Amino acid sequence: MTSYAVALLRHVGMGPDIVAYLEAIDATLAPFGGRFVIHGGDKEHLEGAWEGDLIVIGFPDRAAARRWYASPAYQAILPLRSRNSRGDVILIDGVGSDHRATDILSRPAM
């Protein structure tokens, strides 16, 4: 099942480190089948107060997403981003095309 690396980044300091990170990240994704699904962009607020930029990177499965994040290539550039932004990053699985909202009612309680 497709899995996603999702980040909500705030207070990104656009400078040489972030530029170097952006120039290098695509090469770290390729060996793991990763691709950008959402990478910031113009957003339309409908509810609440959204602060930051949303980044979503799709992977073939959770194992590939974990391997990418732990890879020496990504770990080498990660400080370029983490020193120049604040945010939250998670891995999360997608749902199948037959998913319905009520499917979550049958999940075990967390």
Protein backbone atom coordinates (compact mmCIF):
# COMPACT_ATOMS: atom_id res chain seq x y z
CA MET A 1 0.00 0.00 0.00
CA THR A 2 1.26 3.47 -0.82
CA SER A 3 2.82 5.25 2.14
CA TYR A 4 3.58 8.92 2.51
CA ALA A 5 6.19 11.05 4.22
CA VAL A 6 4.25 14.12 5.32
CA ALA A 7 5.82 17.28 6.68
CA LEU A 8 4.32 20.53 7.87
CA LEU A 9 7.25 22.94 7.87
CA ARG A 10 7.13 26.33 9.52
CA HIS A 11 9.55 29.21 9.64
CA VAL A 12 11.72 27.99 6.78
CA GLY A 13 14.81 30.15 6.43
CA MET A 14 15.44 30.28 2.69
CA GLY A 15 19.19 30.45 2.37
CA PRO A 16 22.14 28.44 1.06
CA ASP A 17 21.41 25.38 3.25
CA ILE A 18 17.79 25.08 2.11
CA VAL A 19 18.81 25.58 -1.52
CA ALA A 20 21.42 22.81 -1.16
CA TYR A 21 18.78 20.55 0.46
CA LEU A 22 16.33 21.17 -2.40
CA GLU A 23 19.02 20.52 -4.99
CA ALA A 24 19.92 17.17 -3.37
CA ILE A 25 16.63 15.65 -2.18
CA ASP A 26 15.35 14.31 -5.51
CA ALA A 27 18.39 12.03 -5.87
CA THR A 28 17.72 10.59 -2.39
CA LEU A 29 14.11 9.72 -3.32
CA ALA A 30 14.77 7.91 -6.60
CA PRO A 31 16.27 4.66 -5.19
CA PHE A 32 13.18 4.19 -2.99
CA GLY A 33 10.50 5.03 -5.54
CA GLY A 34 9.69 8.33 -3.83
CA ARG A 35 8.02 11.23 -5.60
CA PHE A 36 6.63 14.56 -4.57
CA VAL A 37 2.83 14.65 -4.40
CA ILE A 38 2.56 18.07 -2.73
CA HIS A 39 5.42 20.50 -2.27
CA GLY A 40 4.16 23.68 -0.66
CA GLY A 41 2.29 25.86 -3.09
CA ASP A 42 -0.60 28.25 -3.08
CA LYS A 43 -3.24 27.22 -0.56
CA GLU A 44 -6.79 28.33 0.04
CA HIS A 45 -7.81 28.52 3.71
CA LEU A 46 -11.26 27.12 4.36
CA GLU A 47 -11.13 26.54 8.13
CA GLY A 48 -8.73 27.18 10.97
CA ALA A 49 -5.35 28.82 10.88
CA TRP A 50 -2.79 26.93 8.81
CA GLU A 51 0.78 28.00 9.35
CA GLY A 52 3.50 26.55 7.19
CA ASP A 53 4.10 24.55 4.06
CA LEU A 54 2.77 21.05 3.46
CA ILE A 55 5.07 18.55 1.78
CA VAL A 56 3.85 15.07 0.83
CA ILE A 57 6.15 12.48 -0.72
CA GLY A 58 4.66 9.19 -1.91
CA PHE A 59 6.45 5.83 -1.68
CA PRO A 60 5.42 2.36 -2.83
CA ASP A 61 5.06 1.21 0.81
CA ARG A 62 6.00 2.05 4.39
CA ALA A 63 9.21 -0.01 4.23
CA ALA A 64 10.47 2.06 1.28
CA ALA A 65 9.60 5.31 3.09
CA ARG A 66 11.49 4.16 6.20
CA ARG A 67 14.51 3.08 4.14
CA TRP A 68 14.58 6.48 2.41
CA TYR A 69 14.41 8.44 5.67
CA ALA A 70 17.13 6.28 7.27
CA SER A 71 19.33 6.21 4.16
CA PRO A 72 22.83 7.68 4.44
CA ALA A 73 22.07 9.95 1.46
CA TYR A 74 19.02 11.51 3.13
CA GLN A 75 20.54 11.64 6.60
CA ALA A 76 23.49 13.54 5.12
CA ILE A 77 21.23 16.38 3.89
CA LEU A 78 18.61 16.33 6.67
CA PRO A 79 20.53 18.82 8.87
CA LEU A 80 20.39 21.34 6.03
CA ARG A 81 16.61 21.43 6.50
CA SER A 82 16.31 20.81 10.22
CA ARG A 83 18.74 23.61 11.10
CA ASN A 84 16.70 26.05 9.02
CA SER A 85 13.09 25.18 9.71
CA ARG A 86 10.72 23.91 12.36
CA GLY A 87 8.07 21.38 11.70
CA ASP A 88 6.51 17.97 12.09
CA VAL A 89 7.25 14.92 9.94
CA ILE A 90 5.35 11.62 9.89
CA LEU A 91 5.04 8.48 7.80
CA ILE A 92 1.46 7.42 7.11
CA ASP A 93 -0.16 4.82 4.89
CA GLY A 94 -2.71 5.73 2.27
CA VAL A 95 -6.03 3.99 1.79
CA GLY A 96 -7.29 1.82 -1.03
CA SER A 97 -9.59 3.08 -3.75
CA ASP A 98 -12.49 1.24 -2.08
CA HIS A 99 -12.02 3.02 1.29
CA ARG A 100 -15.11 4.54 2.89
CA ALA A 101 -15.19 6.95 5.82
CA THR A 102 -16.92 4.41 8.08
CA ASP A 103 -14.05 1.92 7.62
CA ILE A 104 -12.23 3.59 10.49
CA LEU A 105 -15.02 2.52 12.88
CA SER A 106 -13.83 -1.08 12.66
CA ARG A 107 -10.19 -0.27 13.52
CA PRO A 108 -8.92 -1.28 16.95
CA ALA A 109 -8.74 1.60 19.43
CA MET A 110 -5.32 3.19 19.72
